[in-house]
PDB file of N, CA and C in Angstrom:
ATOM      1  N   MET A   1     -18.457   5.783   9.083  1.00  0.00           N
ATOM      2  CA  MET A   1     -16.677   5.565   8.376  1.00  0.00           C
ATOM      3  C   MET A   1     -16.268   6.893   9.430  1.00  0.00           C
ATOM      4  N   ARG A   2     -17.343   8.046  10.143  1.00  0.00           N
ATOM      5  CA  ARG A   2     -16.772   8.544  11.238  1.00  0.00           C
ATOM      6  C   ARG A   2     -15.099   8.084  12.360  1.00  0.00           C
ATOM      7  N   LEU A   3     -15.986   6.767  12.838  1.00  0.00           N
ATOM      8  CA  LEU A   3     -14.916   5.995  13.733  1.00  0.00           C
ATOM      9  C   LEU A   3     -13.822   5.685  13.440  1.00  0.00           C
ATOM     10  N   LEU A   4     -13.816   5.124  11.867  1.00  0.00           N
ATOM     11  CA  LEU A   4     -12.427   5.236  11.472  1.00  0.00           C
ATOM     12  C   LEU A   4     -11.856   5.968  10.681  1.00  0.00           C
ATOM     13  N   ALA A   5     -12.217   7.146  10.706  1.00  0.00           N
ATOM     14  CA  ALA A   5     -11.382   8.431   9.870  1.00  0.00           C
ATOM     15  C   ALA A   5      -9.776   8.675  10.560  1.00  0.00           C
ATOM     16  N   PRO A   6      -9.838   8.535  11.726  1.00  0.00           N
ATOM     17  CA  PRO A   6      -8.942   9.059  12.793  1.00  0.00           C
ATOM     18  C   PRO A   6      -7.370   7.538  12.590  1.00  0.00           C
ATOM     19  N   VAL A   7      -8.016   6.754  11.966  1.00  0.00           N
ATOM     20  CA  VAL A   7      -7.351   5.204  11.732  1.00  0.00           C
ATOM     21  C   VAL A   7      -6.847   5.626  10.344  1.00  0.00           C
ATOM     22  N   LEU A   8      -7.554   6.280   9.444  1.00  0.00           N
ATOM     23  CA  LEU A   8      -7.405   5.838   8.047  1.00  0.00           C
ATOM     24  C   LEU A   8      -6.061   6.870   8.251  1.00  0.00           C
ATOM     25  N   ALA A   9      -6.443   8.288   8.675  1.00  0.00           N
ATOM     26  CA  ALA A   9      -5.247   9.278   8.479  1.00  0.00           C
ATOM     27  C   ALA A   9      -3.819   8.877   9.426  1.00  0.00           C
ATOM     28  N   HIS A  10      -4.393   8.145  10.091  1.00  0.00           N
ATOM     29  CA  HIS A  10      -2.775   7.392  10.782  1.00  0.00           C
ATOM     30  C   HIS A  10      -2.095   6.661   9.954  1.00  0.00           C
ATOM     31  N   ILE A  11      -3.133   5.853   9.472  1.00  0.00           N
ATOM     32  CA  ILE A  11      -1.819   4.999   8.510  1.00  0.00           C
ATOM     33  C   ILE A  11      -1.862   5.388   7.074  1.00  0.00           C
ATOM     34  N   ALA A  12      -2.259   6.804   6.583  1.00  0.00           N
ATOM     35  CA  ALA A  12      -1.779   7.362   5.672  1.00  0.00           C
ATOM     36  C   ALA A  12      -0.348   7.773   5.972  1.00  0.00           C
ATOM     37  N   ALA A  13      -0.299   8.601   7.522  1.00  0.00           N
ATOM     38  CA  ALA A  13       0.795   9.699   7.725  1.00  0.00           C
ATOM     39  C   ALA A  13       1.656   8.248   8.190  1.00  0.00           C
ATOM     40  N   HIS A  14       1.527   6.890   8.491  1.00  0.00           N
ATOM     41  CA  HIS A  14       2.569   6.485   8.898  1.00  0.00           C
ATOM     42  C   HIS A  14       2.617   4.923   8.364  1.00  0.00           C
ATOM     43  N   LEU A  15       2.518   5.044   7.034  1.00  0.00           N
ATOM     44  CA  LEU A  15       2.435   3.952   6.228  1.00  0.00           C
ATOM     45  C   LEU A  15       4.474   3.164   6.083  1.00  0.00           C
ATOM     46  N   ALA A  16       4.864   4.410   6.010  1.00  0.00           N
ATOM     47  CA  ALA A  16       6.659   3.605   6.292  1.00  0.00           C
ATOM     48  C   ALA A  16       6.948   2.917   7.875  1.00  0.00           C
ATOM     49  N   GLU A  17       5.884   2.953   8.695  1.00  0.00           N
ATOM     50  CA  GLU A  17       6.380   2.530  10.033  1.00  0.00           C
ATOM     51  C   GLU A  17       5.286   1.146  10.298  1.00  0.00           C
ATOM     52  N   PRO A  18       5.777   0.415  11.500  1.00  0.00           N
ATOM     53  CA  PRO A  18       4.855  -1.206  11.498  1.00  0.00           C
ATOM     54  C   PRO A  18       3.555  -0.543  11.902  1.00  0.00           C
ATOM     55  N   LEU A  19       2.588  -0.851  11.841  1.00  0.00           N
ATOM     56  CA  LEU A  19       1.103  -0.537  12.179  1.00  0.00           C
ATOM     57  C   LEU A  19       0.162  -1.666  12.584  1.00  0.00           C
ATOM     58  N   PRO A  20       0.708  -2.192  14.290  1.00  0.00           N
ATOM     59  CA  PRO A  20      -0.002  -3.185  14.349  1.00  0.00           C
ATOM     60  C   PRO A  20      -1.465  -3.130  14.509  1.00  0.00           C
ATOM     61  N   LEU A  21      -1.947  -4.053  14.628  1.00  0.00           N
ATOM     62  CA  LEU A  21      -3.624  -3.883  14.435  1.00  0.00           C
ATOM     63  C   LEU A  21      -4.201  -3.427  15.977  1.00  0.00           C
ATOM     64  N   ASP A  22      -3.294  -3.713  17.062  1.00  0.00           N
ATOM     65  CA  ASP A  22      -3.680  -3.447  18.550  1.00  0.00           C
ATOM     66  C   ASP A  22      -3.543  -1.949  18.146  1.00  0.00           C
ATOM     67  N   ASP A  23      -2.508  -1.405  18.186  1.00  0.00           N
ATOM     68  CA  ASP A  23      -2.258  -0.203  17.852  1.00  0.00           C
ATOM     69  C   ASP A  23      -3.282   0.623  17.212  1.00  0.00           C
ATOM     70  N   LEU A  24      -3.913   0.279  16.175  1.00  0.00           N
ATOM     71  CA  LEU A  24      -4.772   0.661  15.119  1.00  0.00           C
ATOM     72  C   LEU A  24      -5.985   0.857  15.956  1.00  0.00           C
ATOM     73  N   ALA A  25      -6.663  -0.562  16.546  1.00  0.00           N
ATOM     74  CA  ALA A  25      -7.574  -0.649  16.990  1.00  0.00           C
ATOM     75  C   ALA A  25      -7.769   0.033  18.589  1.00  0.00           C
ATOM     76  N   ALA A  26      -7.061   0.467  19.526  1.00  0.00           N
ATOM     77  CA  ALA A  26      -6.672   1.717  20.085  1.00  0.00           C
ATOM     78  C   ALA A  26      -7.037   3.269  19.883  1.00  0.00           C
ATOM     79  N   ILE A  27      -6.678   3.365  18.584  1.00  0.00           N
ATOM     80  CA  ILE A  27      -7.519   4.875  18.037  1.00  0.00           C
ATOM     81  C   ILE A  27      -8.453   4.823  18.550  1.00  0.00           C
ATOM     82  N   THR A  28      -9.126   3.681  18.046  1.00  0.00           N
ATOM     83  CA  THR A  28     -11.197   3.940  17.896  1.00  0.00           C
ATOM     84  C   THR A  28     -11.430   3.359  19.366  1.00  0.00           C
ATOM     85  N   GLY A  29     -10.540   3.264  20.202  1.00  0.00           N
ATOM     86  CA  GLY A  29     -11.137   2.374  21.353  1.00  0.00           C
ATOM     87  C   GLY A  29     -11.881   1.243  21.739  1.00  0.00           C
ATOM     88  N   LEU A  30     -11.608   0.612  20.281  1.00  0.00           N
ATOM     89  CA  LEU A  30     -12.429  -0.600  20.246  1.00  0.00           C
ATOM     90  C   LEU A  30     -11.137  -1.695  20.422  1.00  0.00           C
ATOM     91  N   SER A  31     -12.173  -3.193  21.010  1.00  0.00           N
ATOM     92  CA  SER A  31     -11.112  -4.305  20.886  1.00  0.00           C
ATOM     93  C   SER A  31     -10.508  -4.210  19.525  1.00  0.00           C
ATOM     94  N   VAL A  32      -9.856  -5.567  19.851  1.00  0.00           N
ATOM     95  CA  VAL A  32      -8.997  -5.865  18.465  1.00  0.00           C
ATOM     96  C   VAL A  32     -10.123  -6.593  17.415  1.00  0.00           C
ATOM     97  N   TRP A  33     -10.188  -7.612  18.459  1.00  0.00           N
ATOM     98  CA  TRP A  33     -11.448  -8.245  17.667  1.00  0.00           C
ATOM     99  C   TRP A  33     -12.222  -7.121  16.789  1.00  0.00           C
ATOM    100  N   ARG A  34     -13.350  -6.286  17.487  1.00  0.00           N
ATOM    101  CA  ARG A  34     -14.308  -5.687  17.126  1.00  0.00           C
ATOM    102  C   ARG A  34     -13.960  -4.750  16.277  1.00  0.00           C
ATOM    103  N   PHE A  35     -12.543  -4.092  16.439  1.00  0.00           N
ATOM    104  CA  PHE A  35     -11.975  -3.421  15.426  1.00  0.00           C
ATOM    105  C   PHE A  35     -12.167  -3.705  14.120  1.00  0.00           C
ATOM    106  N   ALA A  36     -10.868  -5.245  14.057  1.00  0.00           N
ATOM    107  CA  ALA A  36     -10.978  -5.703  12.650  1.00  0.00           C
ATOM    108  C   ALA A  36     -11.927  -6.117  12.071  1.00  0.00           C
ATOM    109  N   THR A  37     -13.344  -6.305  13.205  1.00  0.00           N
ATOM    110  CA  THR A  37     -15.101  -6.553  12.219  1.00  0.00           C
ATOM    111  C   THR A  37     -15.727  -5.214  11.680  1.00  0.00           C
ATOM    112  N   VAL A  38     -15.508  -4.048  12.458  1.00  0.00           N
ATOM    113  CA  VAL A  38     -16.381  -3.039  11.751  1.00  0.00           C
ATOM    114  C   VAL A  38     -15.152  -2.287  10.732  1.00  0.00           C
ATOM    115  N   PHE A  39     -14.072  -2.562  10.750  1.00  0.00           N
ATOM    116  CA  PHE A  39     -13.154  -2.246   9.598  1.00  0.00           C
ATOM    117  C   PHE A  39     -13.317  -2.763   8.488  1.00  0.00           C
ATOM    118  N   ARG A  40     -13.481  -4.105   8.498  1.00  0.00           N
ATOM    119  CA  ARG A  40     -13.830  -4.995   7.606  1.00  0.00           C
ATOM    120  C   ARG A  40     -15.686  -4.866   7.049  1.00  0.00           C
ATOM    121  N   GLU A  41     -16.494  -4.309   7.754  1.00  0.00           N
ATOM    122  CA  GLU A  41     -17.521  -4.270   7.357  1.00  0.00           C
ATOM    123  C   GLU A  41     -17.459  -2.600   6.655  1.00  0.00           C
ATOM    124  N   ARG A  42     -17.201  -1.794   7.005  1.00  0.00           N
ATOM    125  CA  ARG A  42     -17.108  -0.391   6.635  1.00  0.00           C
ATOM    126  C   ARG A  42     -16.133  -0.017   5.780  1.00  0.00           C
ATOM    127  N   VAL A  43     -14.968  -0.853   5.146  1.00  0.00           N
ATOM    128  CA  VAL A  43     -13.957  -0.453   4.467  1.00  0.00           C
ATOM    129  C   VAL A  43     -13.752  -1.616   3.011  1.00  0.00           C
ATOM    130  N   GLY A  44     -14.561  -2.386   3.335  1.00  0.00           N
ATOM    131  CA  GLY A  44     -14.907  -3.937   2.541  1.00  0.00           C
ATOM    132  C   GLY A  44     -13.747  -5.077   2.158  1.00  0.00           C
ATOM    133  N   MET A  45     -12.271  -4.796   3.275  1.00  0.00           N
ATOM    134  CA  MET A  45     -11.183  -5.392   3.775  1.00  0.00           C
ATOM    135  C   MET A  45     -10.969  -5.690   5.012  1.00  0.00           C
ATOM    136  N   ALA A  46     -10.124  -6.609   4.963  1.00  0.00           N
ATOM    137  CA  ALA A  46      -9.136  -6.440   6.281  1.00  0.00           C
ATOM    138  C   ALA A  46      -8.420  -5.521   6.434  1.00  0.00           C
ATOM    139  N   PRO A  47      -7.891  -5.062   8.076  1.00  0.00           N
ATOM    140  CA  PRO A  47      -7.012  -4.082   8.064  1.00  0.00           C
ATOM    141  C   PRO A  47      -5.639  -3.971   7.331  1.00  0.00           C
ATOM    142  N   HIS A  48      -5.306  -5.599   7.313  1.00  0.00           N
ATOM    143  CA  HIS A  48      -4.119  -5.674   6.965  1.00  0.00           C
ATOM    144  C   HIS A  48      -3.924  -5.399   5.296  1.00  0.00           C
ATOM    145  N   ARG A  49      -4.992  -6.135   4.788  1.00  0.00           N
ATOM    146  CA  ARG A  49      -5.228  -6.234   2.943  1.00  0.00           C
ATOM    147  C   ARG A  49      -5.124  -4.203   2.896  1.00  0.00           C
ATOM    148  N   TYR A  50      -5.923  -3.368   3.551  1.00  0.00           N
ATOM    149  CA  TYR A  50      -6.027  -2.566   3.634  1.00  0.00           C
ATOM    150  C   TYR A  50      -4.544  -1.018   3.445  1.00  0.00           C
ATOM    151  N   VAL A  51      -4.088  -1.906   4.674  1.00  0.00           N
ATOM    152  CA  VAL A  51      -2.157  -1.670   4.684  1.00  0.00           C
ATOM    153  C   VAL A  51      -1.891  -1.805   3.627  1.00  0.00           C
ATOM    154  N   SER A  52      -1.607  -2.776   2.979  1.00  0.00           N
ATOM    155  CA  SER A  52      -0.609  -3.405   2.025  1.00  0.00           C
ATOM    156  C   SER A  52      -1.297  -2.525   0.761  1.00  0.00           C
ATOM    157  N   LEU A  53      -2.190  -2.921   0.715  1.00  0.00           N
ATOM    158  CA  LEU A  53      -2.827  -2.053  -0.637  1.00  0.00           C
ATOM    159  C   LEU A  53      -2.280  -0.573  -1.005  1.00  0.00           C
ATOM    160  N   GLN A  54      -2.355   0.077   0.516  1.00  0.00           N
ATOM    161  CA  GLN A  54      -1.696   1.957   0.698  1.00  0.00           C
ATOM    162  C   GLN A  54      -0.572   1.529   0.526  1.00  0.00           C
ATOM    163  N   ARG A  55       0.113   0.367   0.788  1.00  0.00           N
ATOM    164  CA  ARG A  55       2.049   0.700   0.699  1.00  0.00           C
ATOM    165  C   ARG A  55       2.461   0.541  -0.442  1.00  0.00           C
ATOM    166  N   VAL A  56       1.349  -0.239  -1.703  1.00  0.00           N
ATOM    167  CA  VAL A  56       1.670  -0.515  -2.694  1.00  0.00           C
ATOM    168  C   VAL A  56       1.694   0.927  -3.997  1.00  0.00           C
ATOM    169  N   ARG A  57      -0.029   1.653  -3.158  1.00  0.00           N
ATOM    170  CA  ARG A  57      -0.274   2.601  -4.059  1.00  0.00           C
ATOM    171  C   ARG A  57       0.934   3.537  -3.505  1.00  0.00           C
ATOM    172  N   HIS A  58       1.215   3.521  -2.689  1.00  0.00           N
ATOM    173  CA  HIS A  58       2.154   4.779  -2.299  1.00  0.00           C
ATOM    174  C   HIS A  58       3.822   4.241  -3.094  1.00  0.00           C
ATOM    175  N   ALA A  59       4.042   3.403  -2.815  1.00  0.00           N
ATOM    176  CA  ALA A  59       5.660   2.579  -3.882  1.00  0.00           C
ATOM    177  C   ALA A  59       5.305   3.070  -5.306  1.00  0.00           C
ATOM    178  N   GLN A  60       3.568   2.488  -5.521  1.00  0.00           N
ATOM    179  CA  GLN A  60       3.581   3.077  -7.124  1.00  0.00           C
ATOM    180  C   GLN A  60       3.952   4.907  -7.257  1.00  0.00           C
ATOM    181  N   ALA A  61       3.330   5.380  -6.630  1.00  0.00           N
ATOM    182  CA  ALA A  61       3.617   6.916  -6.685  1.00  0.00           C
ATOM    183  C   ALA A  61       5.193   7.073  -6.490  1.00  0.00           C
ATOM    184  N   LEU A  62       5.854   6.428  -5.840  1.00  0.00           N
ATOM    185  CA  LEU A  62       7.711   6.511  -5.631  1.00  0.00           C
ATOM    186  C   LEU A  62       8.422   6.319  -6.802  1.00  0.00           C
ATOM    187  N   LEU A  63       7.514   4.950  -7.360  1.00  0.00           N
ATOM    188  CA  LEU A  63       8.217   4.815  -8.787  1.00  0.00           C
ATOM    189  C   LEU A  63       8.346   5.463 -10.014  1.00  0.00           C
ATOM    190  N   ARG A  64       7.031   6.295  -9.686  1.00  0.00           N
ATOM    191  CA  ARG A  64       6.484   6.963 -10.861  1.00  0.00           C
ATOM    192  C   ARG A  64       7.335   8.211 -10.972  1.00  0.00           C
ATOM    193  N   GLN A  65       7.628   8.538  -9.727  1.00  0.00           N
ATOM    194  CA  GLN A  65       9.122   9.588  -9.319  1.00  0.00           C
ATOM    195  C   GLN A  65       9.938   9.302  -9.537  1.00  0.00           C
ATOM    196  N   GLY A  66      10.458   8.053  -9.999  1.00  0.00           N
ATOM    197  CA  GLY A  66      11.847   7.690 -10.264  1.00  0.00           C
ATOM    198  C   GLY A  66      12.540   7.128  -9.384  1.00  0.00           C
ATOM    199  N   ALA A  67      11.837   6.506  -7.706  1.00  0.00           N
ATOM    200  CA  ALA A  67      12.435   6.253  -6.434  1.00  0.00           C
ATOM    201  C   ALA A  67      13.327   4.604  -7.290  1.00  0.00           C
ATOM    202  N   THR A  68      14.080   4.578  -6.840  1.00  0.00           N
ATOM    203  CA  THR A  68      14.748   3.027  -6.949  1.00  0.00           C
ATOM    204  C   THR A  68      13.784   2.197  -6.224  1.00  0.00           C
ATOM    205  N   LEU A  69      13.796   0.907  -6.559  1.00  0.00           N
ATOM    206  CA  LEU A  69      12.927   0.044  -6.018  1.00  0.00           C
ATOM    207  C   LEU A  69      13.025  -0.648  -4.606  1.00  0.00           C
ATOM    208  N   ALA A  70      14.296   0.061  -4.299  1.00  0.00           N
ATOM    209  CA  ALA A  70      15.186  -0.522  -2.589  1.00  0.00           C
ATOM    210  C   ALA A  70      14.486   0.686  -2.031  1.00  0.00           C
ATOM    211  N   GLY A  71      14.229   1.872  -2.672  1.00  0.00           N
ATOM    212  CA  GLY A  71      13.910   3.020  -1.931  1.00  0.00           C
ATOM    213  C   GLY A  71      12.612   3.159  -1.742  1.00  0.00           C
ATOM    214  N   ALA A  72      11.675   2.743  -3.100  1.00  0.00           N
ATOM    215  CA  ALA A  72      10.533   2.965  -3.166  1.00  0.00           C
ATOM    216  C   ALA A  72       9.579   1.835  -1.749  1.00  0.00           C
ATOM    217  N   ALA A  73      10.554   0.356  -1.988  1.00  0.00           N
ATOM    218  CA  ALA A  73      10.006  -0.509  -0.381  1.00  0.00           C
ATOM    219  C   ALA A  73      10.361  -0.111   0.599  1.00  0.00           C
ATOM    220  N   SER A  74      10.954   0.822   1.332  1.00  0.00           N
ATOM    221  CA  SER A  74      11.811   1.360   2.362  1.00  0.00           C
ATOM    222  C   SER A  74      10.678   2.371   2.978  1.00  0.00           C
ATOM    223  N   GLU A  75      10.425   3.240   1.927  1.00  0.00           N
ATOM    224  CA  GLU A  75       9.501   4.224   1.937  1.00  0.00           C
ATOM    225  C   GLU A  75       8.321   4.460   2.299  1.00  0.00           C
ATOM    226  N   ALA A  76       7.851   2.897   1.388  1.00  0.00           N
ATOM    227  CA  ALA A  76       6.481   2.632   1.757  1.00  0.00           C
ATOM    228  C   ALA A  76       6.079   1.450   2.626  1.00  0.00           C
ATOM    229  N   GLY A  77       7.283   1.020   3.585  1.00  0.00           N
ATOM    230  CA  GLY A  77       7.138   0.465   4.636  1.00  0.00           C
ATOM    231  C   GLY A  77       6.944  -1.422   4.821  1.00  0.00           C
ATOM    232  N   PHE A  78       7.954  -1.592   3.666  1.00  0.00           N
ATOM    233  CA  PHE A  78       7.952  -2.633   3.166  1.00  0.00           C
ATOM    234  C   PHE A  78       9.563  -3.362   3.977  1.00  0.00           C
ATOM    235  N   CYS A  79       9.594  -4.494   4.333  1.00  0.00           N
ATOM    236  CA  CYS A  79      10.811  -4.760   5.026  1.00  0.00           C
ATOM    237  C   CYS A  79      11.732  -4.917   4.300  1.00  0.00           C
ATOM    238  N   ASP A  80      11.463  -5.231   2.845  1.00  0.00           N
ATOM    239  CA  ASP A  80      12.827  -5.063   1.601  1.00  0.00           C
ATOM    240  C   ASP A  80      12.183  -4.881   0.683  1.00  0.00           C
ATOM    241  N   GLN A  81      13.142  -5.104  -0.314  1.00  0.00           N
ATOM    242  CA  GLN A  81      12.297  -5.337  -1.807  1.00  0.00           C
ATOM    243  C   GLN A  81      11.528  -6.403  -2.276  1.00  0.00           C
ATOM    244  N   SER A  82      12.523  -7.692  -1.747  1.00  0.00           N
ATOM    245  CA  SER A  82      11.815  -8.775  -1.992  1.00  0.00           C
ATOM    246  C   SER A  82       9.893  -8.898  -1.736  1.00  0.00           C
ATOM    247  N   HIS A  83       9.922  -8.701  -0.794  1.00  0.00           N
ATOM    248  CA  HIS A  83       8.203  -8.280  -0.093  1.00  0.00           C
ATOM    249  C   HIS A  83       7.659  -7.126  -1.169  1.00  0.00           C
ATOM    250  N   LEU A  84       7.951  -6.092  -1.168  1.00  0.00           N
ATOM    251  CA  LEU A  84       7.344  -4.965  -2.102  1.00  0.00           C
ATOM    252  C   LEU A  84       7.016  -6.042  -3.104  1.00  0.00           C
ATOM    253  N   SER A  85       8.063  -6.451  -3.709  1.00  0.00           N
ATOM    254  CA  SER A  85       7.661  -7.361  -5.042  1.00  0.00           C
ATOM    255  C   SER A  85       6.741  -8.324  -5.049  1.00  0.00           C
ATOM    256  N   ARG A  86       6.873  -8.847  -3.929  1.00  0.00           N
ATOM    257  CA  ARG A  86       5.658  -9.829  -3.657  1.00  0.00           C
ATOM    258  C   ARG A  86       3.912  -9.552  -3.622  1.00  0.00           C
ATOM    259  N   ARG A  87       4.127  -8.377  -3.123  1.00  0.00           N
ATOM    260  CA  ARG A  87       2.690  -7.624  -2.778  1.00  0.00           C
ATOM    261  C   ARG A  87       2.520  -6.856  -4.164  1.00  0.00           C
ATOM    262  N   PHE A  88       3.088  -6.311  -4.652  1.00  0.00           N
ATOM    263  CA  PHE A  88       3.144  -5.402  -5.609  1.00  0.00           C
ATOM    264  C   PHE A  88       2.604  -5.973  -6.639  1.00  0.00           C
ATOM    265  N   LYS A  89       3.121  -7.632  -7.060  1.00  0.00           N
ATOM    266  CA  LYS A  89       2.551  -8.538  -7.850  1.00  0.00           C
ATOM    267  C   LYS A  89       1.235  -9.079  -8.068  1.00  0.00           C
ATOM    268  N   ARG A  90       1.156  -9.567  -6.653  1.00  0.00           N
ATOM    269  CA  ARG A  90      -0.575 -10.004  -6.393  1.00  0.00           C
ATOM    270  C   ARG A  90      -1.429  -8.846  -6.387  1.00  0.00           C
ATOM    271  N   LEU A  91      -0.872  -7.811  -6.315  1.00  0.00           N
ATOM    272  CA  LEU A  91      -2.152  -6.775  -6.492  1.00  0.00           C
ATOM    273  C   LEU A  91      -2.121  -6.016  -7.709  1.00  0.00           C
ATOM    274  N   CYS A  92      -1.165  -6.101  -8.345  1.00  0.00           N
ATOM    275  CA  CYS A  92      -0.870  -5.185  -9.512  1.00  0.00           C
ATOM    276  C   CYS A  92      -0.716  -6.168 -10.823  1.00  0.00           C
ATOM    277  N   GLY A  93      -0.633  -7.340 -10.638  1.00  0.00           N
ATOM    278  CA  GLY A  93       0.026  -8.150 -12.057  1.00  0.00           C
ATOM    279  C   GLY A  93       0.891  -8.281 -12.335  1.00  0.00           C
ATOM    280  N   MET A  94       1.905  -7.170 -11.826  1.00  0.00           N
ATOM    281  CA  MET A  94       3.221  -7.535 -12.298  1.00  0.00           C
ATOM    282  C   MET A  94       4.272  -6.521 -11.356  1.00  0.00           C
ATOM    283  N   THR A  95       5.647  -7.090 -11.545  1.00  0.00           N
ATOM    284  CA  THR A  95       6.497  -6.679 -10.500  1.00  0.00           C
ATOM    285  C   THR A  95       6.418  -5.059 -10.640  1.00  0.00           C
ATOM    286  N   PRO A  96       7.104  -4.289  -9.369  1.00  0.00           N
ATOM    287  CA  PRO A  96       7.405  -3.153  -9.457  1.00  0.00           C
ATOM    288  C   PRO A  96       8.572  -2.639 -10.643  1.00  0.00           C
ATOM    289  N   GLY A  97       9.689  -3.465 -10.891  1.00  0.00           N
ATOM    290  CA  GLY A  97      10.165  -2.976 -12.145  1.00  0.00           C
ATOM    291  C   GLY A  97       9.398  -3.179 -13.654  1.00  0.00           C
ATOM    292  N   GLN A  98       8.721  -3.421 -13.840  1.00  0.00           N
ATOM    293  CA  GLN A  98       7.778  -4.000 -14.865  1.00  0.00           C
ATOM    294  C   GLN A  98       6.905  -2.786 -15.179  1.00  0.00           C
ATOM    295  N   TYR A  99       6.428  -2.238 -13.806  1.00  0.00           N
ATOM    296  CA  TYR A  99       5.815  -1.169 -13.374  1.00  0.00           C
ATOM    297  C   TYR A  99       6.638  -0.119 -13.470  1.00  0.00           C
ATOM    298  N   GLN A 100       7.825  -0.168 -13.325  1.00  0.00           N
ATOM    299  CA  GLN A 100       8.421   1.481 -13.474  1.00  0.00           C
ATOM    300  C   GLN A 100       8.767   1.728 -14.877  1.00  0.00           C
ATOM    301  N   ALA A 101       9.003   0.492 -15.837  1.00  0.00           N
ATOM    302  CA  ALA A 101       9.438   0.249 -17.167  1.00  0.00           C
ATOM    303  C   ALA A 101       8.054   0.851 -17.950  1.00  0.00           C
ATOM    304  N   CYS A 102       6.946   0.550 -17.416  1.00  0.00           N
ATOM    305  CA  CYS A 102       5.963   0.948 -18.589  1.00  0.00           C
ATOM    306  C   CYS A 102       5.469   2.559 -17.860  1.00  0.00           C
ATOM    307  N   GLN A 103       5.633   2.990 -16.699  1.00  0.00           N
ATOM    308  CA  GLN A 103       5.663   4.365 -16.535  1.00  0.00           C
ATOM    309  C   GLN A 103       6.971   5.358 -17.424  1.00  0.00           C
ATOM    310  N   THR A 104       8.060   4.633 -17.575  1.00  0.00           N
ATOM    311  CA  THR A 104       9.411   5.573 -18.350  1.00  0.00           C
ATOM    312  C   THR A 104       9.296   5.320 -19.536  1.00  0.00           C
ATOM    313  N   ASN A 105       8.859   4.317 -20.601  1.00  0.00           N
ATOM    314  CA  ASN A 105       8.555   3.898 -22.092  1.00  0.00           C
ATOM    315  C   ASN A 105       7.243   3.308 -21.947  1.00  0.00           C
ATOM    316  N   PRO A 106       6.151   4.266 -21.739  1.00  0.00           N
ATOM    317  CA  PRO A 106       5.036   4.021 -22.548  1.00  0.00           C
ATOM    318  C   PRO A 106       5.113   3.054 -23.555  1.00  0.00           C
ATOM    319  N   PRO A 107       4.123   1.741 -23.528  1.00  0.00           N
ATOM    320  CA  PRO A 107       3.856   1.432 -25.002  1.00  0.00           C
ATOM    321  C   PRO A 107       3.617   2.593 -26.043  1.00  0.00           C
ATOM    322  N   SER A 108       4.382   2.501 -27.188  1.00  0.00           N
ATOM    323  CA  SER A 108       3.771   3.576 -28.607  1.00  0.00           C
ATOM    324  C   SER A 108       2.889   2.871 -29.272  1.00  0.00           C
ATOM    325  N   SER A 109       2.546   3.653 -30.027  1.00  0.00           N
ATOM    326  CA  SER A 109       1.537   3.155 -30.836  1.00  0.00           C
ATOM    327  C   SER A 109       1.991   2.699 -32.268  1.00  0.00           C
ATOM    328  N   ALA A 110       1.572   1.721 -32.814  1.00  0.00           N
ATOM    329  CA  ALA A 110       1.980   1.398 -34.035  1.00  0.00           C
ATOM    330  C   ALA A 110       2.906   2.584 -34.777  1.00  0.00           C
ATOM    331  N   SER A 111       4.169   1.876 -35.295  1.00  0.00           N
ATOM    332  CA  SER A 111       4.641   3.364 -36.169  1.00  0.00           C
ATOM    333  C   SER A 111       4.336   3.153 -37.714  1.00  0.00           C
ATOM    334  N   HIS A 112       4.359   4.832 -38.220  1.00  0.00           N
ATOM    335  CA  HIS A 112       3.087   4.408 -39.738  1.00  0.00           C
ATOM    336  C   HIS A 112       4.437   4.518 -40.427  1.00  0.00           C
ATOM    337  N   SER A 113       4.741   3.604 -41.091  1.00  0.00           N
ATOM    338  CA  SER A 113       6.199   3.299 -42.239  1.00  0.00           C
ATOM    339  C   SER A 113       5.876   4.249 -43.645  1.00  0.00           C
TER     340      SER A 113
END
């Protein structure tokens, strides 16, 4: 994992920016194809999927802090709000708006009458 530590740190620090595979591979000194293989073997998913997951997690944190959907999308590195919504729903099973509503209005237990 030591080989990938600088790449993982770079991804975390630059989520809002484009993260082309060839730039990530260059950090390790590996070819793009070798980098993708090593990354998948050591992290358990392809680099693109990892970046998407990290961006969605960052968007979740922003939404918990009260960010707007558009603001969270932009800050987390998505090109627009609909891109965030598609990725978010695929990874979390709900839309960002539904997630944010759950955070601000947690389900209450049955009321005692």
